[in-house]
Protein backbone atom coordinates (compact mmCIF):
# COMPACT_ATOMS: atom_id res chain seq x y z
CA UNK A 1 108.58 48.94 177.84
CA UNK A 2 109.23 46.81 174.77
CA UNK A 3 106.01 48.01 173.19
CA UNK A 4 106.97 51.61 173.75
CA UNK A 5 110.40 51.07 172.18
CA UNK A 6 108.81 49.22 169.28
CA UNK A 7 106.26 51.99 168.84
CA UNK A 8 108.99 54.61 168.94
CA UNK A 9 111.01 52.76 166.30
CA UNK A 10 107.98 52.34 164.04
CA UNK A 11 107.02 55.97 164.50
CA UNK A 12 110.57 57.06 163.64
CA UNK A 13 110.59 54.91 160.53
CA UNK A 14 107.26 56.36 159.42
CA UNK A 15 108.57 59.89 159.93
CA UNK A 16 111.64 59.07 157.81
CA UNK A 17 109.46 57.64 155.03
CA UNK A 18 107.27 60.73 155.09
CA UNK A 19 110.32 63.03 154.95
CA UNK A 20 111.90 61.11 152.08
CA UNK A 21 108.59 61.11 150.19
CA UNK A 22 108.20 64.83 150.80
CA UNK A 23 111.67 65.50 149.39
CA UNK A 24 110.84 63.48 146.30
CA UNK A 25 107.59 65.37 145.87
CA UNK A 26 109.47 68.66 146.24
CA UNK A 27 111.98 67.55 143.61
CA UNK A 28 109.20 66.58 141.25
CA UNK A 29 107.50 69.91 141.80
CA UNK A 30 110.75 71.73 141.07
CA UNK A 31 111.26 69.57 138.04
CA UNK A 32 107.78 70.50 136.77
CA UNK A 33 108.34 74.21 137.15
CA UNK A 34 111.66 74.35 135.25
CA UNK A 35 110.30 73.12 131.87
CA UNK A 36 107.44 75.63 132.12
CA UNK A 37 109.94 78.48 132.34
CA UNK A 38 111.82 77.12 129.28
CA UNK A 39 108.61 76.74 127.27
CA UNK A 40 107.66 80.36 127.84
CA UNK A 41 110.92 81.71 126.35
CA UNK A 42 110.56 80.70 122.62
CA UNK A 43 107.16 82.29 121.80
CA UNK A 44 108.42 85.94 121.93
CA UNK A 45 111.32 85.01 119.61
CA UNK A 46 109.08 83.14 117.20
CA UNK A 47 106.51 85.94 117.12
CA UNK A 48 108.92 88.62 115.87
CA UNK A 49 107.82 89.29 112.23
CA UNK A 50 111.13 90.80 111.07
CA UNK A 51 111.10 89.57 107.46
CA UNK A 52 107.63 90.96 106.64
CA UNK A 53 108.53 94.69 106.48
CA UNK A 54 111.69 93.88 104.51
CA UNK A 55 109.68 91.97 101.95
CA UNK A 56 107.30 94.92 101.52
CA UNK A 57 110.16 97.40 101.19
CA UNK A 58 112.09 95.09 98.88
CA UNK A 59 109.22 94.55 96.46
CA UNK A 60 110.07 95.47 92.85
CA UNK A 61 109.10 99.02 91.95
CA UNK A 62 106.24 99.54 89.54
CA UNK A 63 107.34 100.22 85.98
CA UNK A 64 105.97 102.18 83.05
CA UNK A 65 106.73 101.94 79.36
CA UNK A 66 108.18 104.96 77.58
CA UNK A 67 109.29 105.61 74.00
CA UNK A 68 112.86 106.74 73.28
CA UNK A 69 114.00 107.99 69.88
CA UNK A 70 117.43 106.98 68.60
CA UNK A 71 119.11 107.18 65.22
CA UNK A 72 118.79 104.31 62.78
CA UNK A 73 121.98 102.54 61.64
CA UNK A 74 122.28 104.81 58.58
CA UNK A 75 121.99 108.01 60.62
CA UNK A 76 119.09 109.33 58.54
CA UNK A 77 116.00 108.78 60.66
CA UNK A 78 114.79 108.43 64.22
CA UNK A 79 113.55 105.03 65.36
CA UNK A 80 111.32 104.48 68.39
CA UNK A 81 112.52 102.12 71.08
CA UNK A 82 110.08 101.11 73.83
CA UNK A 83 111.63 100.70 77.26
CA UNK A 84 110.26 99.88 80.71
CA UNK A 85 111.54 102.16 83.46
CA UNK A 86 110.56 102.68 87.13
CA UNK A 87 107.30 104.61 87.47
CA UNK A 88 108.78 107.56 89.37
CA UNK A 89 107.21 110.96 89.93
CA UNK A 90 109.70 112.79 87.67
CA UNK A 91 109.02 110.56 84.68
CA UNK A 92 110.19 113.14 82.10
CA UNK A 93 113.59 113.45 83.78
CA UNK A 94 113.94 109.68 84.08
CA UNK A 95 113.05 109.28 80.39
CA UNK A 96 115.70 111.75 79.19
CA UNK A 97 118.27 110.06 81.41
CA UNK A 98 117.41 106.80 79.67
CA UNK A 99 117.81 108.55 76.31
CA UNK A 100 121.27 109.71 77.36
CA UNK A 101 122.24 106.12 78.22
CA UNK A 102 121.72 105.20 74.58
CA UNK A 103 119.88 102.43 72.75
CA UNK A 104 119.72 98.80 73.79
CA UNK A 105 122.97 96.99 72.81
CA UNK A 106 121.17 94.52 70.53
CA UNK A 107 118.96 97.10 68.79
CA UNK A 108 121.46 98.18 66.06
CA UNK A 109 120.38 101.76 66.73
CA UNK A 110 122.78 104.65 67.33
CA UNK A 111 122.82 107.16 70.21
CA UNK A 112 121.77 110.74 69.48
CA UNK A 113 123.11 112.44 72.62
CA UNK A 114 126.86 113.24 72.64
CA UNK A 115 129.00 111.22 75.02
CA UNK A 116 129.43 112.76 78.48
CA UNK A 117 126.24 114.85 78.31
CA UNK A 118 124.41 115.19 81.61
CA UNK A 119 120.85 116.34 82.23
CA UNK A 120 121.25 119.16 84.75
CA UNK A 121 117.64 120.23 85.13
CA UNK A 122 114.18 119.97 83.61
CA UNK A 123 111.25 122.22 84.37
CA UNK A 124 107.76 121.75 82.99
CA UNK A 125 105.47 124.78 83.02
CA UNK A 126 101.67 124.57 83.30
CA UNK A 127 101.35 125.78 79.68
CA UNK A 128 103.22 122.67 78.45
CA UNK A 129 106.67 124.19 77.88
CA UNK A 130 109.53 122.02 79.12
CA UNK A 131 112.83 123.80 79.75
CA UNK A 132 115.62 121.23 79.52
CA UNK A 133 119.10 122.15 80.73
CA UNK A 134 122.04 120.00 79.58
CA UNK A 135 125.73 120.12 80.42
CA UNK A 136 128.21 121.71 77.98
CA UNK A 137 129.05 118.30 76.47
CA UNK A 138 125.83 118.48 74.44
CA UNK A 139 127.57 121.15 72.36
CA UNK A 140 131.27 120.45 72.91
CA UNK A 141 131.10 116.72 72.07
CA UNK A 142 128.63 116.88 69.20
CA UNK A 143 129.89 115.27 66.00
CA UNK A 144 128.31 118.01 63.85
CA UNK A 145 126.42 117.90 60.58
CA UNK A 146 122.95 119.30 59.94
CA UNK A 147 121.23 115.91 59.90
CA UNK A 148 123.08 114.69 62.99
CA UNK A 149 122.12 117.87 64.82
CA UNK A 150 118.49 117.48 63.75
CA UNK A 151 118.43 113.91 65.04
CA UNK A 152 119.85 115.06 68.39
CA UNK A 153 117.35 117.90 68.76
CA UNK A 154 114.28 115.95 67.74
CA UNK A 155 115.20 112.78 69.57
CA UNK A 156 114.91 114.92 72.71
CA UNK A 157 111.83 116.87 71.59
CA UNK A 158 109.94 113.83 70.31
CA UNK A 159 110.83 111.79 73.40
CA UNK A 160 109.51 114.50 75.73
CA UNK A 161 106.36 115.36 73.78
CA UNK A 162 105.07 111.81 74.14
CA UNK A 163 103.82 113.03 77.52
CA UNK A 164 100.50 114.92 77.42
CA UNK A 165 101.82 117.60 79.80
CA UNK A 166 104.60 118.62 77.37
CA UNK A 167 103.83 120.47 74.12
CA UNK A 168 107.14 122.21 73.40
CA UNK A 169 110.79 121.98 74.48
CA UNK A 170 113.22 124.83 75.18
CA UNK A 171 116.95 123.99 75.16
CA UNK A 172 119.47 125.34 77.66
CA UNK A 173 123.15 124.51 78.11
CA UNK A 174 124.72 125.11 81.52
CA UNK A 175 121.70 127.21 82.45
CA UNK A 176 121.93 129.50 79.40
CA UNK A 177 119.69 129.70 76.35
CA UNK A 178 121.54 128.71 73.16
CA UNK A 179 121.05 129.58 69.51
CA UNK A 180 122.17 126.22 68.19
CA UNK A 181 123.86 122.98 69.21
CA UNK A 182 126.10 122.34 66.20
CA UNK A 183 125.51 125.39 64.02
CA UNK A 184 122.67 124.19 61.80
CA UNK A 185 119.40 123.96 63.76
CA UNK A 186 117.99 127.06 65.48
CA UNK A 187 116.98 126.08 69.00
CA UNK A 188 116.66 129.61 70.37
CA UNK A 189 112.87 129.28 70.38
CA UNK A 190 110.72 126.52 71.85
CA UNK A 191 110.72 123.40 69.64
CA UNK A 192 107.60 121.43 68.73
CA UNK A 193 107.31 117.75 67.84
CA UNK A 194 108.57 116.72 64.39
CA UNK A 195 107.44 113.35 63.16
CA UNK A 196 108.89 113.72 59.66
CA UNK A 197 112.20 112.41 60.99
CA UNK A 198 110.63 109.29 62.49
CA UNK A 199 111.14 106.19 60.37
CA UNK A 200 107.81 104.66 59.42
């Protein structure tokens, strides 16, 4: 009888040890699986290449160098100023808009386009004629004088004819052909390049 009791006690103890060990093994197994779940979460976040497209889109635009003609400090001649501008498709329009902005502040050159003038439209025909339409300020705000008017006209013409696709320039104001800008230079017909006004 004593041996049976002893055997029962020993058997019970062994069962308890096995159960406790099994629980520990289960806990360890659970503990192993939790870190694996956490490790799998970061890779999708780290693999998102968000900055790459922004860098491509944000890259500086390509530029091209154009020549703008402004008046010298004495108001007698045109002087060429080279300027880098974005290489856009409508390069002629962009160039005239730069001309309207005026010369570089440190250049000592004078603007040739009256203040407030806006480029409304520019159309370049296959035969090389560029029709350039300005706002009324080109006429209304002009300071006058035959030489001043000539510098205005040929600063525009000479700036545009630097491009091989433009041979002549026709002036319009508010969509209408005009005879003159300040009463001295006839601009009713297409104007060709005039290099005699360019300071050598």
